[in-house]
PDB file of all heavy atoms in Angstrom:
ATOM      1  N   LEU A   1       0.333  -4.822  -5.826  1.00  0.00           N
ATOM      2  CA  LEU A   1       1.775  -4.722  -5.627  1.00  0.00           C
ATOM      3  C   LEU A   1       2.193  -3.355  -6.144  1.00  0.00           C
ATOM      4  O   LEU A   1       1.919  -3.015  -7.301  1.00  0.00           O
ATOM      5  CB  LEU A   1       2.510  -5.815  -6.407  1.00  0.00           C
ATOM      6  CG  LEU A   1       4.026  -5.653  -6.477  1.00  0.00           C
ATOM      7  CD1 LEU A   1       4.655  -5.947  -5.111  1.00  0.00           C
ATOM      8  CD2 LEU A   1       4.625  -6.550  -7.543  1.00  0.00           C
ATOM      9  N   ALA A   2       2.825  -2.544  -5.289  1.00  0.00           N
ATOM     10  CA  ALA A   2       3.197  -1.199  -5.709  1.00  0.00           C
ATOM     11  C   ALA A   2       4.529  -0.796  -5.105  1.00  0.00           C
ATOM     12  O   ALA A   2       4.871  -1.204  -3.994  1.00  0.00           O
ATOM     13  CB  ALA A   2       2.112  -0.196  -5.298  1.00  0.00           C
ATOM     14  N   VAL A   3       5.274   0.008  -5.852  1.00  0.00           N
ATOM     15  CA  VAL A   3       6.562   0.524  -5.405  1.00  0.00           C
ATOM     16  C   VAL A   3       6.407   2.016  -5.163  1.00  0.00           C
ATOM     17  O   VAL A   3       6.092   2.778  -6.087  1.00  0.00           O
ATOM     18  CB  VAL A   3       7.661   0.269  -6.463  1.00  0.00           C
ATOM     19  CG1 VAL A   3       8.999   0.821  -5.980  1.00  0.00           C
ATOM     20  CG2 VAL A   3       7.770  -1.216  -6.769  1.00  0.00           C
ATOM     21  N   TRP A   4       6.621   2.427  -3.903  1.00  0.00           N
ATOM     22  CA  TRP A   4       6.461   3.827  -3.506  1.00  0.00           C
ATOM     23  C   TRP A   4       7.776   4.370  -2.971  1.00  0.00           C
ATOM     24  O   TRP A   4       8.645   3.617  -2.515  1.00  0.00           O
ATOM     25  CB  TRP A   4       5.394   3.954  -2.409  1.00  0.00           C
ATOM     26  CG  TRP A   4       4.066   3.418  -2.794  1.00  0.00           C
ATOM     27  CD1 TRP A   4       3.663   2.114  -2.758  1.00  0.00           C
ATOM     28  CD2 TRP A   4       2.949   4.150  -3.293  1.00  0.00           C
ATOM     29  NE1 TRP A   4       2.372   2.000  -3.196  1.00  0.00           N
ATOM     30  CE2 TRP A   4       1.899   3.223  -3.529  1.00  0.00           C
ATOM     31  CE3 TRP A   4       2.723   5.506  -3.541  1.00  0.00           C
ATOM     32  CZ2 TRP A   4       0.660   3.616  -4.008  1.00  0.00           C
ATOM     33  CZ3 TRP A   4       1.483   5.890  -4.023  1.00  0.00           C
ATOM     34  CH2 TRP A   4       0.467   4.955  -4.254  1.00  0.00           C
ATOM     35  N   GLU A   5       7.887   5.689  -2.993  1.00  0.00           N
ATOM     36  CA  GLU A   5       9.082   6.329  -2.456  1.00  0.00           C
ATOM     37  C   GLU A   5       9.172   6.138  -0.946  1.00  0.00           C
ATOM     38  O   GLU A   5      10.250   5.937  -0.402  1.00  0.00           O
ATOM     39  CB  GLU A   5       9.097   7.811  -2.807  1.00  0.00           C
ATOM     40  CG  GLU A   5       9.275   8.080  -4.302  1.00  0.00           C
ATOM     41  CD  GLU A   5       9.354   9.557  -4.614  1.00  0.00           C
ATOM     42  OE1 GLU A   5       9.414  10.360  -3.655  1.00  0.00           O
ATOM     43  OE2 GLU A   5       9.356   9.921  -5.804  1.00  0.00           O
ATOM     44  N   ASP A   6       8.053   6.203  -0.255  1.00  0.00           N
ATOM     45  CA  ASP A   6       8.041   5.942   1.180  1.00  0.00           C
ATOM     46  C   ASP A   6       6.636   5.579   1.635  1.00  0.00           C
ATOM     47  O   ASP A   6       5.668   5.674   0.873  1.00  0.00           O
ATOM     48  CB  ASP A   6       8.572   7.135   1.990  1.00  0.00           C
ATOM     49  CG  ASP A   6       7.809   8.419   1.733  1.00  0.00           C
ATOM     50  OD1 ASP A   6       6.559   8.398   1.795  1.00  0.00           O
ATOM     51  OD2 ASP A   6       8.445   9.447   1.462  1.00  0.00           O
ATOM     52  N   LYS A   7       6.516   5.136   2.879  1.00  0.00           N
ATOM     53  CA  LYS A   7       5.256   4.649   3.431  1.00  0.00           C
ATOM     54  C   LYS A   7       4.186   5.737   3.458  1.00  0.00           C
ATOM     55  O   LYS A   7       3.012   5.474   3.210  1.00  0.00           O
ATOM     56  CB  LYS A   7       5.488   4.110   4.841  1.00  0.00           C
ATOM     57  CG  LYS A   7       4.268   3.495   5.530  1.00  0.00           C
ATOM     58  CD  LYS A   7       4.694   2.852   6.839  1.00  0.00           C
ATOM     59  CE  LYS A   7       3.520   2.161   7.544  1.00  0.00           C
ATOM     60  NZ  LYS A   7       2.663   3.120   8.241  1.00  0.00           N
ATOM     61  N   GLN A   8       4.602   6.967   3.739  1.00  0.00           N
ATOM     62  CA  GLN A   8       3.640   8.052   3.829  1.00  0.00           C
ATOM     63  C   GLN A   8       2.949   8.307   2.482  1.00  0.00           C
ATOM     64  O   GLN A   8       1.755   8.599   2.434  1.00  0.00           O
ATOM     65  CB  GLN A   8       4.326   9.333   4.320  1.00  0.00           C
ATOM     66  CG  GLN A   8       4.687   9.330   5.797  1.00  0.00           C
ATOM     67  CD  GLN A   8       5.786   8.328   6.136  1.00  0.00           C
ATOM     68  OE1 GLN A   8       6.715   8.140   5.335  1.00  0.00           O
ATOM     69  NE2 GLN A   8       5.676   7.676   7.275  1.00  0.00           N
ATOM     70  N   ASP A   9       3.705   8.191   1.403  1.00  0.00           N
ATOM     71  CA  ASP A   9       3.103   8.374   0.083  1.00  0.00           C
ATOM     72  C   ASP A   9       2.009   7.344  -0.161  1.00  0.00           C
ATOM     73  O   ASP A   9       0.950   7.649  -0.709  1.00  0.00           O
ATOM     74  CB  ASP A   9       4.172   8.269  -1.009  1.00  0.00           C
ATOM     75  CG  ASP A   9       5.115   9.455  -0.997  1.00  0.00           C
ATOM     76  OD1 ASP A   9       4.701  10.531  -0.535  1.00  0.00           O
ATOM     77  OD2 ASP A   9       6.265   9.299  -1.445  1.00  0.00           O
ATOM     78  N   PHE A  10       2.294   6.115   0.246  1.00  0.00           N
ATOM     79  CA  PHE A  10       1.291   5.067   0.086  1.00  0.00           C
ATOM     80  C   PHE A  10       0.044   5.360   0.924  1.00  0.00           C
ATOM     81  O   PHE A  10      -1.085   5.290   0.444  1.00  0.00           O
ATOM     82  CB  PHE A  10       1.873   3.711   0.484  1.00  0.00           C
ATOM     83  CG  PHE A  10       0.853   2.630   0.650  1.00  0.00           C
ATOM     84  CD1 PHE A  10       0.232   2.052  -0.444  1.00  0.00           C
ATOM     85  CD2 PHE A  10       0.483   2.178   1.915  1.00  0.00           C
ATOM     86  CE1 PHE A  10      -0.720   1.060  -0.297  1.00  0.00           C
ATOM     87  CE2 PHE A  10      -0.462   1.192   2.075  1.00  0.00           C
ATOM     88  CZ  PHE A  10      -1.071   0.631   0.972  1.00  0.00           C
ATOM     89  N   GLU A  11       0.254   5.713   2.193  1.00  0.00           N
ATOM     90  CA  GLU A  11      -0.868   5.927   3.090  1.00  0.00           C
ATOM     91  C   GLU A  11      -1.678   7.160   2.710  1.00  0.00           C
ATOM     92  O   GLU A  11      -2.863   7.252   3.029  1.00  0.00           O
ATOM     93  CB  GLU A  11      -0.363   6.035   4.524  1.00  0.00           C
ATOM     94  CG  GLU A  11       0.197   4.711   5.049  1.00  0.00           C
ATOM     95  CD  GLU A  11       0.704   4.815   6.466  1.00  0.00           C
ATOM     96  OE1 GLU A  11       1.124   5.926   6.862  1.00  0.00           O
ATOM     97  OE2 GLU A  11       0.698   3.780   7.170  1.00  0.00           O
ATOM     98  N   ASN A  12      -1.042   8.108   2.028  1.00  0.00           N
ATOM     99  CA  ASN A  12      -1.741   9.322   1.631  1.00  0.00           C
ATOM    100  C   ASN A  12      -2.393   9.215   0.261  1.00  0.00           C
ATOM    101  O   ASN A  12      -2.897  10.200  -0.268  1.00  0.00           O
ATOM    102  CB  ASN A  12      -0.770  10.515   1.653  1.00  0.00           C
ATOM    103  CG  ASN A  12      -0.326  10.850   3.065  1.00  0.00           C
ATOM    104  OD1 ASN A  12      -1.049  10.603   4.030  1.00  0.00           O
ATOM    105  ND2 ASN A  12       0.872  11.404   3.179  1.00  0.00           N
ATOM    106  N   SER A  13      -2.334   8.015  -0.331  1.00  0.00           N
ATOM    107  CA  SER A  13      -3.043   7.790  -1.591  1.00  0.00           C
ATOM    108  C   SER A  13      -4.525   7.702  -1.268  1.00  0.00           C
ATOM    109  O   SER A  13      -5.102   6.628  -1.148  1.00  0.00           O
ATOM    110  CB  SER A  13      -2.538   6.502  -2.253  1.00  0.00           C
ATOM    111  OG  SER A  13      -3.204   6.261  -3.465  1.00  0.00           O
ATOM    112  N   SER A  14      -5.142   8.854  -1.133  1.00  0.00           N
ATOM    113  CA  SER A  14      -6.455   8.955  -0.499  1.00  0.00           C
ATOM    114  C   SER A  14      -7.553   8.169  -1.204  1.00  0.00           C
ATOM    115  O   SER A  14      -8.394   7.562  -0.545  1.00  0.00           O
ATOM    116  CB  SER A  14      -6.862  10.429  -0.391  1.00  0.00           C
ATOM    117  OG  SER A  14      -6.880  11.026  -1.673  1.00  0.00           O
ATOM    118  N   PHE A  15      -7.543   8.154  -2.535  1.00  0.00           N
ATOM    119  CA  PHE A  15      -8.646   7.484  -3.229  1.00  0.00           C
ATOM    120  C   PHE A  15      -8.657   5.987  -2.927  1.00  0.00           C
ATOM    121  O   PHE A  15      -9.675   5.419  -2.542  1.00  0.00           O
ATOM    122  CB  PHE A  15      -8.546   7.703  -4.736  1.00  0.00           C
ATOM    123  CG  PHE A  15      -9.612   6.954  -5.497  1.00  0.00           C
ATOM    124  CD1 PHE A  15     -10.881   7.484  -5.641  1.00  0.00           C
ATOM    125  CD2 PHE A  15      -9.352   5.706  -6.043  1.00  0.00           C
ATOM    126  CE1 PHE A  15     -11.882   6.784  -6.317  1.00  0.00           C
ATOM    127  CE2 PHE A  15     -10.334   5.004  -6.724  1.00  0.00           C
ATOM    128  CZ  PHE A  15     -11.600   5.545  -6.857  1.00  0.00           C
ATOM    129  N   ILE A  16      -7.501   5.336  -3.102  1.00  0.00           N
ATOM    130  CA  ILE A  16      -7.439   3.889  -2.885  1.00  0.00           C
ATOM    131  C   ILE A  16      -7.672   3.556  -1.417  1.00  0.00           C
ATOM    132  O   ILE A  16      -8.393   2.616  -1.087  1.00  0.00           O
ATOM    133  CB  ILE A  16      -6.095   3.330  -3.383  1.00  0.00           C
ATOM    134  CG1 ILE A  16      -6.026   3.450  -4.915  1.00  0.00           C
ATOM    135  CG2 ILE A  16      -5.919   1.879  -2.956  1.00  0.00           C
ATOM    136  CD1 ILE A  16      -4.743   2.959  -5.503  1.00  0.00           C
ATOM    137  N   GLN A  17      -7.072   4.333  -0.535  1.00  0.00           N
ATOM    138  CA  GLN A  17      -7.236   4.070   0.888  1.00  0.00           C
ATOM    139  C   GLN A  17      -8.692   4.221   1.314  1.00  0.00           C
ATOM    140  O   GLN A  17      -9.230   3.398   2.057  1.00  0.00           O
ATOM    141  CB  GLN A  17      -6.351   5.016   1.710  1.00  0.00           C
ATOM    142  CG  GLN A  17      -4.871   4.684   1.640  1.00  0.00           C
ATOM    143  CD  GLN A  17      -4.506   3.453   2.445  1.00  0.00           C
ATOM    144  OE1 GLN A  17      -5.052   2.369   2.241  1.00  0.00           O
ATOM    145  NE2 GLN A  17      -3.579   3.603   3.368  1.00  0.00           N
ATOM    146  N   SER A  18      -9.344   5.262   0.857  1.00  0.00           N
ATOM    147  CA  SER A  18     -10.753   5.462   1.225  1.00  0.00           C
ATOM    148  C   SER A  18     -11.642   4.397   0.595  1.00  0.00           C
ATOM    149  O   SER A  18     -12.626   3.949   1.200  1.00  0.00           O
ATOM    150  CB  SER A  18     -11.219   6.859   0.795  1.00  0.00           C
ATOM    151  OG  SER A  18     -11.105   7.024  -0.608  1.00  0.00           O
ATOM    152  N   TRP A  19     -11.292   3.966  -0.608  1.00  0.00           N
ATOM    153  CA  TRP A  19     -12.039   2.891  -1.273  1.00  0.00           C
ATOM    154  C   TRP A  19     -11.954   1.616  -0.451  1.00  0.00           C
ATOM    155  O   TRP A  19     -12.956   0.951  -0.199  1.00  0.00           O
ATOM    156  CB  TRP A  19     -11.472   2.675  -2.674  1.00  0.00           C
ATOM    157  CG  TRP A  19     -12.143   1.577  -3.464  1.00  0.00           C
ATOM    158  CD1 TRP A  19     -11.956   0.236  -3.331  1.00  0.00           C
ATOM    159  CD2 TRP A  19     -13.114   1.736  -4.501  1.00  0.00           C
ATOM    160  NE1 TRP A  19     -12.720  -0.466  -4.210  1.00  0.00           N
ATOM    161  CE2 TRP A  19     -13.454   0.426  -4.954  1.00  0.00           C
ATOM    162  CE3 TRP A  19     -13.717   2.831  -5.106  1.00  0.00           C
ATOM    163  CZ2 TRP A  19     -14.366   0.223  -5.980  1.00  0.00           C
ATOM    164  CZ3 TRP A  19     -14.628   2.619  -6.122  1.00  0.00           C
ATOM    165  CH2 TRP A  19     -14.953   1.327  -6.545  1.00  0.00           C
ATOM    166  N   TRP A  20     -10.735   1.277  -0.026  1.00  0.00           N
ATOM    167  CA  TRP A  20     -10.546   0.064   0.769  1.00  0.00           C
ATOM    168  C   TRP A  20     -11.305   0.145   2.090  1.00  0.00           C
ATOM    169  O   TRP A  20     -11.912  -0.825   2.528  1.00  0.00           O
ATOM    170  CB  TRP A  20      -9.061  -0.160   1.039  1.00  0.00           C
ATOM    171  CG  TRP A  20      -8.320  -0.682  -0.157  1.00  0.00           C
ATOM    172  CD1 TRP A  20      -8.860  -1.276  -1.263  1.00  0.00           C
ATOM    173  CD2 TRP A  20      -6.906  -0.658  -0.367  1.00  0.00           C
ATOM    174  NE1 TRP A  20      -7.877  -1.618  -2.153  1.00  0.00           N
ATOM    175  CE2 TRP A  20      -6.679  -1.259  -1.635  1.00  0.00           C
ATOM    176  CE3 TRP A  20      -5.838  -0.197   0.371  1.00  0.00           C
ATOM    177  CZ2 TRP A  20      -5.400  -1.402  -2.161  1.00  0.00           C
ATOM    178  CZ3 TRP A  20      -4.558  -0.352  -0.140  1.00  0.00           C
ATOM    179  CH2 TRP A  20      -4.341  -0.942  -1.390  1.00  0.00           C
ATOM    180  N   LYS A  21     -11.247   1.294   2.744  1.00  0.00           N
ATOM    181  CA  LYS A  21     -11.932   1.455   4.023  1.00  0.00           C
ATOM    182  C   LYS A  21     -13.440   1.297   3.870  1.00  0.00           C
ATOM    183  O   LYS A  21     -14.125   0.815   4.772  1.00  0.00           O
ATOM    184  CB  LYS A  21     -11.606   2.823   4.630  1.00  0.00           C
ATOM    185  CG  LYS A  21     -10.168   2.943   5.114  1.00  0.00           C
ATOM    186  CD  LYS A  21      -9.889   4.344   5.646  1.00  0.00           C
ATOM    187  CE  LYS A  21      -8.447   4.488   6.099  1.00  0.00           C
ATOM    188  NZ  LYS A  21      -8.154   5.866   6.567  1.00  0.00           N
ATOM    189  N   THR A  22     -13.953   1.695   2.721  1.00  0.00           N
ATOM    190  CA  THR A  22     -15.398   1.648   2.488  1.00  0.00           C
ATOM    191  C   THR A  22     -15.880   0.262   2.073  1.00  0.00           C
ATOM    192  O   THR A  22     -16.923  -0.205   2.545  1.00  0.00           O
ATOM    193  CB  THR A  22     -15.793   2.668   1.397  1.00  0.00           C
ATOM    194  OG1 THR A  22     -15.387   3.975   1.808  1.00  0.00           O
ATOM    195  CG2 THR A  22     -17.303   2.656   1.173  1.00  0.00           C
ATOM    196  N   PHE A  23     -15.132  -0.412   1.213  1.00  0.00           N
ATOM    197  CA  PHE A  23     -15.649  -1.615   0.581  1.00  0.00           C
ATOM    198  C   PHE A  23     -15.023  -2.929   1.046  1.00  0.00           C
ATOM    199  O   PHE A  23     -15.512  -3.997   0.678  1.00  0.00           O
ATOM    200  CB  PHE A  23     -15.496  -1.505  -0.944  1.00  0.00           C
ATOM    201  CG  PHE A  23     -16.384  -0.467  -1.558  1.00  0.00           C
ATOM    202  CD1 PHE A  23     -15.876   0.775  -1.906  1.00  0.00           C
ATOM    203  CD2 PHE A  23     -17.728  -0.712  -1.770  1.00  0.00           C
ATOM    204  CE1 PHE A  23     -16.690   1.738  -2.469  1.00  0.00           C
ATOM    205  CE2 PHE A  23     -18.556   0.246  -2.333  1.00  0.00           C
ATOM    206  CZ  PHE A  23     -18.034   1.481  -2.683  1.00  0.00           C
ATOM    207  N   THR A  24     -13.955  -2.891   1.815  1.00  0.00           N
ATOM    208  CA  THR A  24     -13.340  -4.146   2.234  1.00  0.00           C
ATOM    209  C   THR A  24     -13.694  -4.478   3.684  1.00  0.00           C
ATOM    210  O   THR A  24     -13.891  -3.580   4.504  1.00  0.00           O
ATOM    211  CB  THR A  24     -11.807  -4.096   2.119  1.00  0.00           C
ATOM    212  OG1 THR A  24     -11.301  -3.126   3.044  1.00  0.00           O
ATOM    213  CG2 THR A  24     -11.381  -3.707   0.720  1.00  0.00           C
ATOM    214  N   TYR A  25     -13.782  -5.750   3.973  1.00  0.00           N
ATOM    215  CA  TYR A  25     -13.979  -6.172   5.362  1.00  0.00           C
ATOM    216  C   TYR A  25     -12.692  -6.759   5.933  1.00  0.00           C
ATOM    217  O   TYR A  25     -12.624  -7.069   7.120  1.00  0.00           O
ATOM    218  CB  TYR A  25     -15.126  -7.172   5.493  1.00  0.00           C
ATOM    219  CG  TYR A  25     -14.904  -8.511   4.849  1.00  0.00           C
ATOM    220  CD1 TYR A  25     -14.270  -9.543   5.527  1.00  0.00           C
ATOM    221  CD2 TYR A  25     -15.369  -8.764   3.555  1.00  0.00           C
ATOM    222  CE1 TYR A  25     -14.069 -10.784   4.938  1.00  0.00           C
ATOM    223  CE2 TYR A  25     -15.178  -9.996   2.958  1.00  0.00           C
ATOM    224  CZ  TYR A  25     -14.534 -10.998   3.653  1.00  0.00           C
ATOM    225  OH  TYR A  25     -14.340 -12.222   3.054  1.00  0.00           O
ATOM    226  N   GLU A  26     -11.656  -6.892   5.078  1.00  0.00           N
ATOM    227  CA  GLU A  26     -10.365  -7.374   5.551  1.00  0.00           C
ATOM    228  C   GLU A  26      -9.268  -6.880   4.614  1.00  0.00           C
ATOM    229  O   GLU A  26      -9.451  -6.835   3.395  1.00  0.00           O
ATOM    230  CB  GLU A  26     -10.336  -8.903   5.615  1.00  0.00           C
ATOM    231  CG  GLU A  26      -9.056  -9.462   6.228  1.00  0.00           C
ATOM    232  CD  GLU A  26      -9.079 -10.971   6.342  1.00  0.00           C
ATOM    233  OE1 GLU A  26      -9.348 -11.636   5.325  1.00  0.00           O
ATOM    234  OE2 GLU A  26      -8.826 -11.483   7.441  1.00  0.00           O
ATOM    235  N   LYS A  27      -8.129  -6.494   5.207  1.00  0.00           N
ATOM    236  CA  LYS A  27      -6.999  -6.016   4.405  1.00  0.00           C
ATOM    237  C   LYS A  27      -5.696  -6.408   5.101  1.00  0.00           C
ATOM    238  O   LYS A  27      -5.571  -6.277   6.319  1.00  0.00           O
ATOM    239  CB  LYS A  27      -7.066  -4.495   4.246  1.00  0.00           C
ATOM    240  CG  LYS A  27      -5.927  -3.922   3.408  1.00  0.00           C
ATOM    241  CD  LYS A  27      -6.076  -2.421   3.216  1.00  0.00           C
ATOM    242  CE  LYS A  27      -5.871  -1.677   4.515  1.00  0.00           C
ATOM    243  NZ  LYS A  27      -5.754  -0.204   4.317  1.00  0.00           N
ATOM    244  N   TRP A  28      -4.750  -6.903   4.314  1.00  0.00           N
ATOM    245  CA  TRP A  28      -3.426  -7.257   4.840  1.00  0.00           C
ATOM    246  C   TRP A  28      -2.387  -6.527   4.013  1.00  0.00           C
ATOM    247  O   TRP A  28      -2.373  -6.628   2.778  1.00  0.00           O
ATOM    248  CB  TRP A  28      -3.209  -8.768   4.754  1.00  0.00           C
ATOM    249  CG  TRP A  28      -1.918  -9.238   5.357  1.00  0.00           C
ATOM    250  CD1 TRP A  28      -1.322  -8.766   6.490  1.00  0.00           C
ATOM    251  CD2 TRP A  28      -1.064 -10.269   4.857  1.00  0.00           C
ATOM    252  NE1 TRP A  28      -0.156  -9.447   6.738  1.00  0.00           N
ATOM    253  CE2 TRP A  28       0.025 -10.374   5.754  1.00  0.00           C
ATOM    254  CE3 TRP A  28      -1.114 -11.113   3.759  1.00  0.00           C
ATOM    255  CZ2 TRP A  28       1.057 -11.288   5.568  1.00  0.00           C
ATOM    256  CZ3 TRP A  28      -0.096 -12.032   3.575  1.00  0.00           C
ATOM    257  CH2 TRP A  28       0.975 -12.114   4.470  1.00  0.00           C
ATOM    258  N   THR A  29      -1.530  -5.765   4.678  1.00  0.00           N
ATOM    259  CA  THR A  29      -0.516  -4.965   3.997  1.00  0.00           C
ATOM    260  C   THR A  29       0.866  -5.342   4.514  1.00  0.00           C
ATOM    261  O   THR A  29       1.082  -5.431   5.721  1.00  0.00           O
ATOM    262  CB  THR A  29      -0.740  -3.461   4.239  1.00  0.00           C
ATOM    263  OG1 THR A  29      -2.078  -3.112   3.850  1.00  0.00           O
ATOM    264  CG2 THR A  29       0.248  -2.634   3.429  1.00  0.00           C
ATOM    265  N   ILE A  30       1.796  -5.556   3.582  1.00  0.00           N
ATOM    266  CA  ILE A  30       3.172  -5.886   3.932  1.00  0.00           C
ATOM    267  C   ILE A  30       4.084  -4.822   3.336  1.00  0.00           C
ATOM    268  O   ILE A  30       4.010  -4.535   2.135  1.00  0.00           O
ATOM    269  CB  ILE A  30       3.586  -7.263   3.394  1.00  0.00           C
ATOM    270  CG1 ILE A  30       2.592  -8.333   3.813  1.00  0.00           C
ATOM    271  CG2 ILE A  30       4.980  -7.634   3.883  1.00  0.00           C
ATOM    272  CD1 ILE A  30       2.815  -9.646   3.121  1.00  0.00           C
ATOM    273  N   PHE A  31       4.918  -4.236   4.172  1.00  0.00           N
ATOM    274  CA  PHE A  31       5.920  -3.274   3.712  1.00  0.00           C
ATOM    275  C   PHE A  31       7.260  -3.994   3.629  1.00  0.00           C
ATOM    276  O   PHE A  31       7.665  -4.668   4.580  1.00  0.00           O
ATOM    277  CB  PHE A  31       5.997  -2.089   4.671  1.00  0.00           C
ATOM    278  CG  PHE A  31       4.721  -1.299   4.728  1.00  0.00           C
ATOM    279  CD1 PHE A  31       3.766  -1.572   5.695  1.00  0.00           C
ATOM    280  CD2 PHE A  31       4.462  -0.295   3.804  1.00  0.00           C
ATOM    281  CE1 PHE A  31       2.576  -0.864   5.749  1.00  0.00           C
ATOM    282  CE2 PHE A  31       3.276   0.415   3.853  1.00  0.00           C
ATOM    283  CZ  PHE A  31       2.332   0.135   4.826  1.00  0.00           C
ATOM    284  N   MET A  32       7.943  -3.824   2.492  1.00  0.00           N
ATOM    285  CA  MET A  32       9.156  -4.593   2.247  1.00  0.00           C
ATOM    286  C   MET A  32      10.228  -3.732   1.584  1.00  0.00           C
ATOM    287  O   MET A  32       9.926  -2.712   0.970  1.00  0.00           O
ATOM    288  CB  MET A  32       8.848  -5.785   1.333  1.00  0.00           C
ATOM    289  CG  MET A  32       7.745  -6.695   1.824  1.00  0.00           C
ATOM    290  SD  MET A  32       7.487  -8.105   0.715  1.00  0.00           S
ATOM    291  CE  MET A  32       6.857  -7.284  -0.759  1.00  0.00           C
ATOM    292  N   GLU A  33      11.456  -4.207   1.690  1.00  0.00           N
ATOM    293  CA  GLU A  33      12.600  -3.585   1.028  1.00  0.00           C
ATOM    294  C   GLU A  33      13.248  -4.625   0.119  1.00  0.00           C
ATOM    295  O   GLU A  33      13.564  -5.727   0.568  1.00  0.00           O
ATOM    296  CB  GLU A  33      13.608  -3.112   2.074  1.00  0.00           C
ATOM    297  CG  GLU A  33      14.872  -2.524   1.472  1.00  0.00           C
ATOM    298  CD  GLU A  33      15.912  -2.214   2.533  1.00  0.00           C
ATOM    299  OE1 GLU A  33      15.746  -2.662   3.691  1.00  0.00           O
ATOM    300  OE2 GLU A  33      16.891  -1.531   2.199  1.00  0.00           O
ATOM    301  N   PRO A  34      13.454  -4.298  -1.165  1.00  0.00           N
ATOM    302  CA  PRO A  34      14.063  -5.268  -2.081  1.00  0.00           C
ATOM    303  C   PRO A  34      15.502  -5.607  -1.683  1.00  0.00           C
ATOM    304  O   PRO A  34      16.285  -4.731  -1.343  1.00  0.00           O
ATOM    305  CB  PRO A  34      14.039  -4.543  -3.432  1.00  0.00           C
ATOM    306  CG  PRO A  34      13.035  -3.461  -3.281  1.00  0.00           C
ATOM    307  CD  PRO A  34      13.090  -3.043  -1.841  1.00  0.00           C
ATOM    308  N   LEU A  35      15.806  -6.898  -1.712  1.00  0.00           N
ATOM    309  CA  LEU A  35      17.175  -7.365  -1.463  1.00  0.00           C
ATOM    310  C   LEU A  35      17.886  -7.685  -2.773  1.00  0.00           C
ATOM    311  O   LEU A  35      19.046  -7.354  -2.955  1.00  0.00           O
ATOM    312  CB  LEU A  35      17.151  -8.604  -0.571  1.00  0.00           C
ATOM    313  CG  LEU A  35      16.702  -8.390   0.871  1.00  0.00           C
ATOM    314  CD1 LEU A  35      16.510  -9.737   1.564  1.00  0.00           C
ATOM    315  CD2 LEU A  35      17.711  -7.549   1.633  1.00  0.00           C
ATOM    316  N   ASN A  36      17.185  -8.346  -3.668  1.00  0.00           N
ATOM    317  CA  ASN A  36      17.723  -8.613  -5.001  1.00  0.00           C
ATOM    318  C   ASN A  36      16.582  -8.984  -5.935  1.00  0.00           C
ATOM    319  O   ASN A  36      15.491  -9.347  -5.490  1.00  0.00           O
ATOM    320  CB  ASN A  36      18.807  -9.702  -4.997  1.00  0.00           C
ATOM    321  CG  ASN A  36      18.330 -10.974  -4.329  1.00  0.00           C
ATOM    322  OD1 ASN A  36      17.339 -11.566  -4.746  1.00  0.00           O
ATOM    323  ND2 ASN A  36      19.020 -11.393  -3.289  1.00  0.00           N
ATOM    324  N   SER A  37      16.839  -8.870  -7.213  1.00  0.00           N
ATOM    325  CA  SER A  37      15.802  -9.141  -8.210  1.00  0.00           C
ATOM    326  C   SER A  37      16.460  -9.408  -9.550  1.00  0.00           C
ATOM    327  O   SER A  37      17.487  -8.795  -9.876  1.00  0.00           O
ATOM    328  CB  SER A  37      14.857  -7.936  -8.309  1.00  0.00           C
ATOM    329  OG  SER A  37      13.931  -8.101  -9.360  1.00  0.00           O
ATOM    330  N   HIS A  38      15.890 -10.335 -10.300  1.00  0.00           N
ATOM    331  CA  HIS A  38      16.351 -10.530 -11.674  1.00  0.00           C
ATOM    332  C   HIS A  38      15.166 -10.903 -12.542  1.00  0.00           C
ATOM    333  O   HIS A  38      14.204 -11.522 -12.087  1.00  0.00           O
ATOM    334  CB  HIS A  38      17.470 -11.570 -11.769  1.00  0.00           C
ATOM    335  CG  HIS A  38      17.075 -12.946 -11.322  1.00  0.00           C
ATOM    336  ND1 HIS A  38      16.415 -13.842 -12.136  1.00  0.00           N
ATOM    337  CD2 HIS A  38      17.262 -13.583 -10.136  1.00  0.00           C
ATOM    338  CE1 HIS A  38      16.206 -14.965 -11.481  1.00  0.00           C
ATOM    339  NE2 HIS A  38      16.705 -14.841 -10.267  1.00  0.00           N
TER     340      HIS A  38
END
């Protein structure tokens, strides 16, 4: 779970992205906008 300034920043996180591409056989990503929180 991570909070980023925008989608591009997340996708350009090269180390984690390359790690996932190398070692995972399945990945599910959800992009969301907070509505409320307490």
